Amino acid sequence: MIISEKYKFIFLKPYKVAGSSVEFALSSILSNIDVATYLSKDEEKARQKLFGLCEQNNRKKLSDLIQNFSKQNKRDLQKFKWPKKFHPHCSADDVKSYLGDAKFNDYKKISIVRNPWDYLLSFYHWNPGKERRAPFEQWVFDNRHLIGQNNYQYKINGNCVVDIFLKFENLSEDLSKLPLNSDELSKIKNCFSTTFLKSGYRQKGREIEIDYLKSAKFIDKAIESFCDIELNMFGYQRPY
């Protein structure tokens, strides 16, 4: 998640949409007054090496901690980490509560959208610990809470707050939508074209994945109920 004071935009980072790669690329233009949440250990090393920047301006002040001590703050302290203002996938509501209505409304909100069926397949394949996975039908039932989870980045009180959506399937081209000049866009695009963070887990053939979806048709109704932005605004359909 990024808040750019310099360019007046907020990047709200959903799950399984290449958000880390976009955040990494956006880091190429950030100033020292902007907020950037942390990436993984290796990604932070690469960001520091390339841009001289890593997580920044994200430590919660003691006065804020005393006034608003959250469950997430408690989890941070239990891990012997100083509590953060924001976590990588923090909700739009959390950002607005911290920034205030005026600033939040003034800044452009940017996020990424993806086919919700493909999103679930990506989550299923993402297995950095190489744990034994249950068959897709059972796994997706056990993890049905993931359906519509990105609404936390897209909505506040049921209303979409994102001004600029980038489509996962068209990210390289959609980066042109960002409210930046041509030089800044060129820098971001060049960085994004060589960035492949959290890739390499998805190796199954498309026919096999279609069979996975056929085995779990019960998710269709849930997707219809919770993924209205993906279906109604962008017309995503179930792969066949």
C-alpha atoms as a PDB file:
ATOM      1  CA  MET A   1       0.000   0.000   0.000  1.00  0.00           C
ATOM      2  CA  ILE A   2       1.253   3.453  -0.909  1.00  0.00           C
ATOM      3  CA  ILE A   3       0.184   6.980  -0.085  1.00  0.00           C
ATOM      4  CA  SER A   4       1.981   9.460  -2.324  1.00  0.00           C
ATOM      5  CA  GLU A   5       1.940  12.917  -0.831  1.00  0.00           C
ATOM      6  CA  LYS A   6       3.956  14.148  -3.797  1.00  0.00           C
ATOM      7  CA  TYR A   7       1.549  12.925  -6.488  1.00  0.00           C
ATOM      8  CA  LYS A   8      -1.606  12.793  -4.373  1.00  0.00           C
ATOM      9  CA  PHE A   9      -2.635   9.206  -4.955  1.00  0.00           C
ATOM     10  CA  ILE A  10      -3.344   6.188  -2.765  1.00  0.00           C
ATOM     11  CA  PHE A  11      -2.549   2.694  -4.009  1.00  0.00           C
ATOM     12  CA  LEU A  12      -4.879   0.225  -2.295  1.00  0.00           C
ATOM     13  CA  LYS A  13      -3.363  -3.235  -2.628  1.00  0.00           C
ATOM     14  CA  PRO A  14      -5.768  -6.170  -2.996  1.00  0.00           C
ATOM     15  CA  TYR A  15      -4.804  -9.846  -2.832  1.00  0.00           C
ATOM     16  CA  LYS A  16      -3.527 -11.967  -5.771  1.00  0.00           C
ATOM     17  CA  VAL A  17      -3.550  -9.205  -8.395  1.00  0.00           C
ATOM     18  CA  ALA A  18       0.215  -8.645  -8.865  1.00  0.00           C
ATOM     19  CA  GLY A  19      -0.075  -5.904  -6.277  1.00  0.00           C
ATOM     20  CA  SER A  20       3.487  -6.331  -4.998  1.00  0.00           C
ATOM     21  CA  SER A  21       4.877  -5.949  -8.526  1.00  0.00           C
ATOM     22  CA  VAL A  22       2.862  -2.763  -9.057  1.00  0.00           C
ATOM     23  CA  GLU A  23       3.874  -1.423  -5.652  1.00  0.00           C
ATOM     24  CA  PHE A  24       7.519  -2.169  -6.441  1.00  0.00           C
ATOM     25  CA  ALA A  25       7.262  -0.321  -9.767  1.00  0.00           C
ATOM     26  CA  LEU A  26       5.493   2.653  -8.167  1.00  0.00           C
ATOM     27  CA  SER A  27       8.352   2.856  -5.676  1.00  0.00           C
ATOM     28  CA  SER A  28      10.584   4.045  -8.512  1.00  0.00           C
ATOM     29  CA  ILE A  29       8.975   7.507  -8.361  1.00  0.00           C
ATOM     30  CA  LEU A  30       8.279   7.923  -4.652  1.00  0.00           C
ATOM     31  CA  SER A  31       9.766  10.729  -2.580  1.00  0.00           C
ATOM     32  CA  ASN A  32      10.939  10.583   1.023  1.00  0.00           C
ATOM     33  CA  ILE A  33       7.661  12.108   2.242  1.00  0.00           C
ATOM     34  CA  ASP A  34       5.508   9.302   0.804  1.00  0.00           C
ATOM     35  CA  VAL A  35       4.183   6.313   2.763  1.00  0.00           C
ATOM     36  CA  ALA A  36       5.181   2.839   1.599  1.00  0.00           C
ATOM     37  CA  THR A  37       4.286  -0.368   3.427  1.00  0.00           C
ATOM     38  CA  TYR A  38       6.692  -3.283   3.602  1.00  0.00           C
ATOM     39  CA  LEU A  39       7.237  -5.949   0.970  1.00  0.00           C
ATOM     40  CA  SER A  40       8.861  -9.312   1.622  1.00  0.00           C
ATOM     41  CA  LYS A  41      12.446  -9.451   2.889  1.00  0.00           C
ATOM     42  CA  ASP A  42      13.992 -10.100  -0.544  1.00  0.00           C
ATOM     43  CA  GLU A  43      11.728  -7.550  -2.224  1.00  0.00           C
ATOM     44  CA  GLU A  44      12.711  -4.900   0.307  1.00  0.00           C
ATOM     45  CA  LYS A  45      16.386  -5.580  -0.380  1.00  0.00           C
ATOM     46  CA  ALA A  46      15.805  -5.175  -4.120  1.00  0.00           C
ATOM     47  CA  ARG A  47      13.776  -1.988  -3.611  1.00  0.00           C
ATOM     48  CA  GLN A  48      16.514  -0.539  -1.415  1.00  0.00           C
ATOM     49  CA  LYS A  49      19.185  -1.426  -3.961  1.00  0.00           C
ATOM     50  CA  LEU A  50      17.336  -0.021  -6.978  1.00  0.00           C
ATOM     51  CA  PHE A  51      15.586   3.023  -5.517  1.00  0.00           C
ATOM     52  CA  GLY A  52      17.255   3.653  -2.173  1.00  0.00           C
ATOM     53  CA  LEU A  53      13.831   3.167  -0.626  1.00  0.00           C
ATOM     54  CA  CYS A  54      12.098   0.557   1.499  1.00  0.00           C
ATOM     55  CA  GLU A  55       9.163   0.709   3.905  1.00  0.00           C
ATOM     56  CA  GLN A  56       8.955   4.311   5.061  1.00  0.00           C
ATOM     57  CA  ASN A  57       6.854   6.771   7.080  1.00  0.00           C
ATOM     58  CA  ASN A  58       4.813   3.864   8.415  1.00  0.00           C
ATOM     59  CA  ARG A  59       5.636   3.681  12.126  1.00  0.00           C
ATOM     60  CA  LYS A  60       2.729   4.549  14.352  1.00  0.00           C
ATOM     61  CA  LYS A  61       3.397   7.382  16.780  1.00  0.00           C
ATOM     62  CA  LEU A  62       3.200   6.587  20.479  1.00  0.00           C
ATOM     63  CA  SER A  63       0.408   9.143  20.917  1.00  0.00           C
ATOM     64  CA  ASP A  64      -1.629   7.473  18.144  1.00  0.00           C
ATOM     65  CA  LEU A  65      -0.924   4.071  19.654  1.00  0.00           C
ATOM     66  CA  ILE A  66      -2.266   5.158  23.035  1.00  0.00           C
ATOM     67  CA  GLN A  67      -5.408   6.689  21.523  1.00  0.00           C
ATOM     68  CA  ASN A  68      -6.160   3.869  19.107  1.00  0.00           C
ATOM     69  CA  PHE A  69      -4.623   0.515  20.067  1.00  0.00           C
ATOM     70  CA  SER A  70      -5.874  -2.058  17.559  1.00  0.00           C
ATOM     71  CA  LYS A  71      -5.732  -5.854  17.427  1.00  0.00           C
ATOM     72  CA  GLN A  72      -3.184  -5.537  14.635  1.00  0.00           C
ATOM     73  CA  ASN A  73      -1.017  -3.327  16.869  1.00  0.00           C
ATOM     74  CA  LYS A  74      -1.128  -6.054  19.506  1.00  0.00           C
ATOM     75  CA  ARG A  75      -0.066  -8.670  16.956  1.00  0.00           C
ATOM     76  CA  ASP A  76       2.834  -6.443  15.886  1.00  0.00           C
ATOM     77  CA  LEU A  77       4.075  -6.065  19.459  1.00  0.00           C
ATOM     78  CA  GLN A  78       3.770  -9.811  20.056  1.00  0.00           C
ATOM     79  CA  LYS A  79       6.192 -10.252  17.144  1.00  0.00           C
ATOM     80  CA  PHE A  80       8.507  -7.657  18.744  1.00  0.00           C
ATOM     81  CA  LYS A  81       7.771  -5.170  15.956  1.00  0.00           C
ATOM     82  CA  TRP A  82       6.778  -1.555  16.432  1.00  0.00           C
ATOM     83  CA  PRO A  83       3.141  -1.115  15.314  1.00  0.00           C
ATOM     84  CA  LYS A  84       2.490   0.156  11.809  1.00  0.00           C
ATOM     85  CA  LYS A  85       0.176   2.876  10.607  1.00  0.00           C
ATOM     86  CA  PHE A  86      -0.811   0.666   7.680  1.00  0.00           C
ATOM     87  CA  HIS A  87      -0.355  -2.935   6.644  1.00  0.00           C
ATOM     88  CA  PRO A  88       0.192  -3.986   3.010  1.00  0.00           C
ATOM     89  CA  HIS A  89      -3.418  -4.995   2.377  1.00  0.00           C
ATOM     90  CA  CYS A  90      -5.100  -2.514   4.688  1.00  0.00           C
ATOM     91  CA  SER A  91      -8.656  -1.558   3.884  1.00  0.00           C
ATOM     92  CA  ALA A  92      -9.825   1.638   2.249  1.00  0.00           C
ATOM     93  CA  ASP A  93     -11.771   2.363   5.425  1.00  0.00           C
ATOM     94  CA  ASP A  94      -8.603   2.131   7.553  1.00  0.00           C
ATOM     95  CA  VAL A  95      -6.792   4.551   5.249  1.00  0.00           C
ATOM     96  CA  LYS A  96      -9.689   7.002   5.264  1.00  0.00           C
ATOM     97  CA  SER A  97      -9.986   6.844   9.047  1.00  0.00           C
ATOM     98  CA  TYR A  98      -6.315   7.723   9.400  1.00  0.00           C
ATOM     99  CA  LEU A  99      -6.118  10.429   6.713  1.00  0.00           C
ATOM    100  CA  GLY A 100      -9.490  12.029   7.329  1.00  0.00           C
ATOM    101  CA  ASP A 101     -12.313  12.618   4.858  1.00  0.00           C
ATOM    102  CA  ALA A 102     -10.896  15.708   3.146  1.00  0.00           C
ATOM    103  CA  LYS A 103      -7.494  14.265   2.298  1.00  0.00           C
ATOM    104  CA  PHE A 104      -8.836  10.839   1.397  1.00  0.00           C
ATOM    105  CA  ASN A 105     -11.411  12.333  -0.961  1.00  0.00           C
ATOM    106  CA  ASP A 106      -8.853  14.677  -2.534  1.00  0.00           C
ATOM    107  CA  TYR A 107      -6.351  11.928  -3.415  1.00  0.00           C
ATOM    108  CA  LYS A 108      -6.871   9.580  -6.368  1.00  0.00           C
ATOM    109  CA  LYS A 109      -7.544   6.046  -5.189  1.00  0.00           C
ATOM    110  CA  ILE A 110      -5.917   3.379  -7.382  1.00  0.00           C
ATOM    111  CA  SER A 111      -6.390  -0.380  -7.210  1.00  0.00           C
ATOM    112  CA  ILE A 112      -6.273  -3.560  -9.311  1.00  0.00           C
ATOM    113  CA  VAL A 113      -9.116  -5.839 -10.366  1.00  0.00           C
ATOM    114  CA  ARG A 114      -9.008  -9.447 -11.586  1.00  0.00           C
ATOM    115  CA  ASN A 115     -11.337 -12.197 -12.769  1.00  0.00           C
ATOM    116  CA  PRO A 116     -12.671 -13.580  -9.444  1.00  0.00           C
ATOM    117  CA  TRP A 117     -12.529 -17.221 -10.574  1.00  0.00           C
ATOM    118  CA  ASP A 118      -8.945 -16.800 -11.734  1.00  0.00           C
ATOM    119  CA  TYR A 119      -8.164 -15.060  -8.446  1.00  0.00           C
ATOM    120  CA  LEU A 120      -9.239 -18.172  -6.517  1.00  0.00           C
ATOM    121  CA  LEU A 121      -7.154 -20.415  -8.757  1.00  0.00           C
ATOM    122  CA  SER A 122      -4.150 -18.167  -8.161  1.00  0.00           C
ATOM    123  CA  PHE A 123      -4.679 -18.370  -4.393  1.00  0.00           C
ATOM    124  CA  TYR A 124      -4.916 -22.152  -4.649  1.00  0.00           C
ATOM    125  CA  HIS A 125      -1.603 -22.419  -6.502  1.00  0.00           C
ATOM    126  CA  TRP A 126       0.189 -19.913  -4.274  1.00  0.00           C
ATOM    127  CA  ASN A 127       1.906 -22.252  -1.829  1.00  0.00           C
ATOM    128  CA  PRO A 128       5.338 -20.919  -0.794  1.00  0.00           C
ATOM    129  CA  GLY A 129       5.488 -23.398   2.097  1.00  0.00           C
ATOM    130  CA  LYS A 130       4.861 -26.305  -0.327  1.00  0.00           C
ATOM    131  CA  GLU A 131       2.189 -27.691   1.959  1.00  0.00           C
ATOM    132  CA  ARG A 132       0.003 -30.544   0.829  1.00  0.00           C
ATOM    133  CA  ARG A 133      -3.111 -29.038  -0.744  1.00  0.00           C
ATOM    134  CA  ALA A 134      -6.569 -30.555  -0.501  1.00  0.00           C
ATOM    135  CA  PRO A 135      -8.397 -31.017  -3.825  1.00  0.00           C
ATOM    136  CA  PHE A 136      -9.570 -27.666  -5.175  1.00  0.00           C
ATOM    137  CA  GLU A 137     -13.234 -28.306  -4.386  1.00  0.00           C
ATOM    138  CA  GLN A 138     -12.484 -28.931  -0.706  1.00  0.00           C
ATOM    139  CA  TRP A 139      -9.859 -26.184  -0.481  1.00  0.00           C
ATOM    140  CA  VAL A 140     -12.108 -23.500  -1.946  1.00  0.00           C
ATOM    141  CA  PHE A 141     -14.971 -24.527   0.357  1.00  0.00           C
ATOM    142  CA  ASP A 142     -12.671 -24.301   3.388  1.00  0.00           C
ATOM    143  CA  ASN A 143     -11.407 -20.915   2.164  1.00  0.00           C
ATOM    144  CA  ARG A 144     -14.687 -19.473   0.887  1.00  0.00           C
ATOM    145  CA  HIS A 145     -14.042 -16.366   3.010  1.00  0.00           C
ATOM    146  CA  LEU A 146     -11.563 -15.338   0.289  1.00  0.00           C
ATOM    147  CA  ILE A 147     -14.413 -14.678  -2.157  1.00  0.00           C
ATOM    148  CA  GLY A 148     -14.996 -10.949  -2.290  1.00  0.00           C
ATOM    149  CA  GLN A 149     -12.148 -10.251   0.138  1.00  0.00           C
ATOM    150  CA  ASN A 150     -10.783  -7.480  -2.080  1.00  0.00           C
ATOM    151  CA  ASN A 151     -13.919  -5.464  -1.417  1.00  0.00           C
ATOM    152  CA  TYR A 152     -12.062  -4.203   1.654  1.00  0.00           C
ATOM    153  CA  GLN A 153      -9.769  -2.299  -0.727  1.00  0.00           C
ATOM    154  CA  TYR A 154     -12.528  -1.336  -3.159  1.00  0.00           C
ATOM    155  CA  LYS A 155     -15.406  -0.259  -0.914  1.00  0.00           C
ATOM    156  CA  ILE A 156     -16.412   1.700   2.157  1.00  0.00           C
ATOM    157  CA  ASN A 157     -19.914   1.052   3.519  1.00  0.00           C
ATOM    158  CA  GLY A 158     -20.773  -0.845   0.350  1.00  0.00           C
ATOM    159  CA  ASN A 159     -19.780   1.984  -1.994  1.00  0.00           C
ATOM    160  CA  CYS A 160     -16.861   1.786  -4.399  1.00  0.00           C
ATOM    161  CA  VAL A 161     -14.214   4.431  -3.588  1.00  0.00           C
ATOM    162  CA  VAL A 162     -11.621   3.520  -6.233  1.00  0.00           C
ATOM    163  CA  ASP A 163     -11.107   6.192  -8.891  1.00  0.00           C
ATOM    164  CA  ILE A 164      -8.761   4.260 -11.169  1.00  0.00           C
ATOM    165  CA  PHE A 165      -8.893   0.503 -11.637  1.00  0.00           C
ATOM    166  CA  LEU A 166      -6.052  -1.336 -13.355  1.00  0.00           C
ATOM    167  CA  LYS A 167      -7.021  -4.680 -14.886  1.00  0.00           C
ATOM    168  CA  PHE A 168      -4.727  -7.538 -13.901  1.00  0.00           C
ATOM    169  CA  GLU A 169      -4.960  -8.986 -17.390  1.00  0.00           C
ATOM    170  CA  ASN A 170      -3.862  -5.693 -18.959  1.00  0.00           C
ATOM    171  CA  LEU A 171      -1.569  -4.177 -16.355  1.00  0.00           C
ATOM    172  CA  SER A 172       1.266  -3.033 -18.610  1.00  0.00           C
ATOM    173  CA  GLU A 173      -1.112  -0.954 -20.729  1.00  0.00           C
ATOM    174  CA  ASP A 174      -3.383   0.134 -17.886  1.00  0.00           C
ATOM    175  CA  LEU A 175      -0.472   1.741 -16.032  1.00  0.00           C
ATOM    176  CA  SER A 176      -1.002   4.586 -18.507  1.00  0.00           C
ATOM    177  CA  LYS A 177      -4.155   5.458 -16.525  1.00  0.00           C
ATOM    178  CA  LEU A 178      -2.091   6.633 -13.571  1.00  0.00           C
ATOM    179  CA  PRO A 179      -2.289  10.406 -12.889  1.00  0.00           C
ATOM    180  CA  LEU A 180       1.369  11.005 -13.743  1.00  0.00           C
ATOM    181  CA  ASN A 181       3.392  12.635 -16.496  1.00  0.00           C
ATOM    182  CA  SER A 182       5.001  10.733 -19.373  1.00  0.00           C
ATOM    183  CA  ASP A 183       8.454  10.529 -17.793  1.00  0.00           C
ATOM    184  CA  GLU A 184       7.084   9.115 -14.554  1.00  0.00           C
ATOM    185  CA  LEU A 185       4.884   6.641 -16.417  1.00  0.00           C
ATOM    186  CA  SER A 186       7.839   5.517 -18.513  1.00  0.00           C
ATOM    187  CA  LYS A 187       9.918   4.878 -15.398  1.00  0.00           C
ATOM    188  CA  ILE A 188       7.123   2.839 -13.795  1.00  0.00           C
ATOM    189  CA  LYS A 189       6.435   0.808 -16.938  1.00  0.00           C
ATOM    190  CA  ASN A 190      10.104   0.004 -17.467  1.00  0.00           C
ATOM    191  CA  CYS A 191      10.395  -1.198 -13.894  1.00  0.00           C
ATOM    192  CA  PHE A 192       7.176  -3.211 -14.063  1.00  0.00           C
ATOM    193  CA  SER A 193       8.256  -4.962 -17.276  1.00  0.00           C
ATOM    194  CA  THR A 194      11.215  -6.534 -15.461  1.00  0.00           C
ATOM    195  CA  THR A 195       9.486  -7.249 -12.147  1.00  0.00           C
ATOM    196  CA  PHE A 196       8.008 -10.674 -11.419  1.00  0.00           C
ATOM    197  CA  LEU A 197       7.341 -10.848  -7.708  1.00  0.00           C
ATOM    198  CA  LYS A 198       5.652 -13.888  -6.144  1.00  0.00           C
ATOM    199  CA  SER A 199       5.543 -15.673  -9.510  1.00  0.00           C
ATOM    200  CA  GLY A 200       6.375 -19.267 -10.345  1.00  0.00           C
ATOM    201  CA  TYR A 201       3.748 -21.089  -8.268  1.00  0.00           C
ATOM    202  CA  ARG A 202       1.110 -21.544 -10.947  1.00  0.00           C
ATOM    203  CA  GLN A 203       2.076 -24.329 -13.314  1.00  0.00           C
ATOM    204  CA  LYS A 204      -1.100 -26.314 -13.953  1.00  0.00           C
ATOM    205  CA  GLY A 205      -2.538 -26.385 -17.476  1.00  0.00           C
ATOM    206  CA  ARG A 206      -5.666 -24.395 -18.293  1.00  0.00           C
ATOM    207  CA  GLU A 207      -7.741 -27.507 -18.961  1.00  0.00           C
ATOM    208  CA  ILE A 208      -6.922 -28.811 -15.490  1.00  0.00           C
ATOM    209  CA  GLU A 209      -7.943 -25.483 -13.956  1.00  0.00           C
ATOM    210  CA  ILE A 210     -11.243 -25.550 -15.845  1.00  0.00           C
ATOM    211  CA  ASP A 211     -11.872 -28.966 -14.306  1.00  0.00           C
ATOM    212  CA  TYR A 212     -11.125 -27.486 -10.887  1.00  0.00           C
ATOM    213  CA  LEU A 213     -13.811 -24.850 -11.432  1.00  0.00           C
ATOM    214  CA  LYS A 214     -16.296 -27.447 -12.673  1.00  0.00           C
ATOM    215  CA  SER A 215     -15.744 -29.417  -9.470  1.00  0.00           C
ATOM    216  CA  ALA A 216     -16.626 -26.364  -7.376  1.00  0.00           C
ATOM    217  CA  LYS A 217     -19.576 -24.745  -9.136  1.00  0.00           C
ATOM    218  CA  PHE A 218     -21.017 -23.793  -5.756  1.00  0.00           C
ATOM    219  CA  ILE A 219     -18.613 -20.814  -5.754  1.00  0.00           C
ATOM    220  CA  ASP A 220     -20.467 -19.232  -8.698  1.00  0.00           C
ATOM    221  CA  LYS A 221     -23.349 -18.001  -6.541  1.00  0.00           C
ATOM    222  CA  ALA A 222     -20.963 -16.620  -3.937  1.00  0.00           C
ATOM    223  CA  ILE A 223     -18.985 -14.783  -6.604  1.00  0.00           C
ATOM    224  CA  GLU A 224     -22.219 -13.364  -8.036  1.00  0.00           C
ATOM    225  CA  SER A 225     -23.136 -12.128  -4.555  1.00  0.00           C
ATOM    226  CA  PHE A 226     -19.827 -10.646  -3.428  1.00  0.00           C
ATOM    227  CA  CYS A 227     -17.973  -9.645  -6.601  1.00  0.00           C
ATOM    228  CA  ASP A 228     -20.321  -7.104  -8.171  1.00  0.00           C
ATOM    229  CA  ILE A 229     -17.480  -4.759  -9.132  1.00  0.00           C
ATOM    230  CA  GLU A 230     -15.678  -7.497 -11.047  1.00  0.00           C
ATOM    231  CA  LEU A 231     -18.853  -8.776 -12.739  1.00  0.00           C
ATOM    232  CA  ASN A 232     -20.879  -5.612 -13.321  1.00  0.00           C
ATOM    233  CA  MET A 233     -18.196  -2.992 -13.883  1.00  0.00           C
ATOM    234  CA  PHE A 234     -15.734  -5.168 -15.781  1.00  0.00           C
ATOM    235  CA  GLY A 235     -17.862  -7.992 -17.165  1.00  0.00           C
ATOM    236  CA  TYR A 236     -15.727 -10.855 -15.925  1.00  0.00           C
ATOM    237  CA  GLN A 237     -17.183 -14.287 -16.576  1.00  0.00           C
ATOM    238  CA  ARG A 238     -16.472 -17.795 -15.384  1.00  0.00           C
ATOM    239  CA  PRO A 239     -13.790 -19.408 -17.591  1.00  0.00           C
ATOM    240  CA  TYR A 240     -15.077 -22.408 -19.553  1.00  0.00           C
END
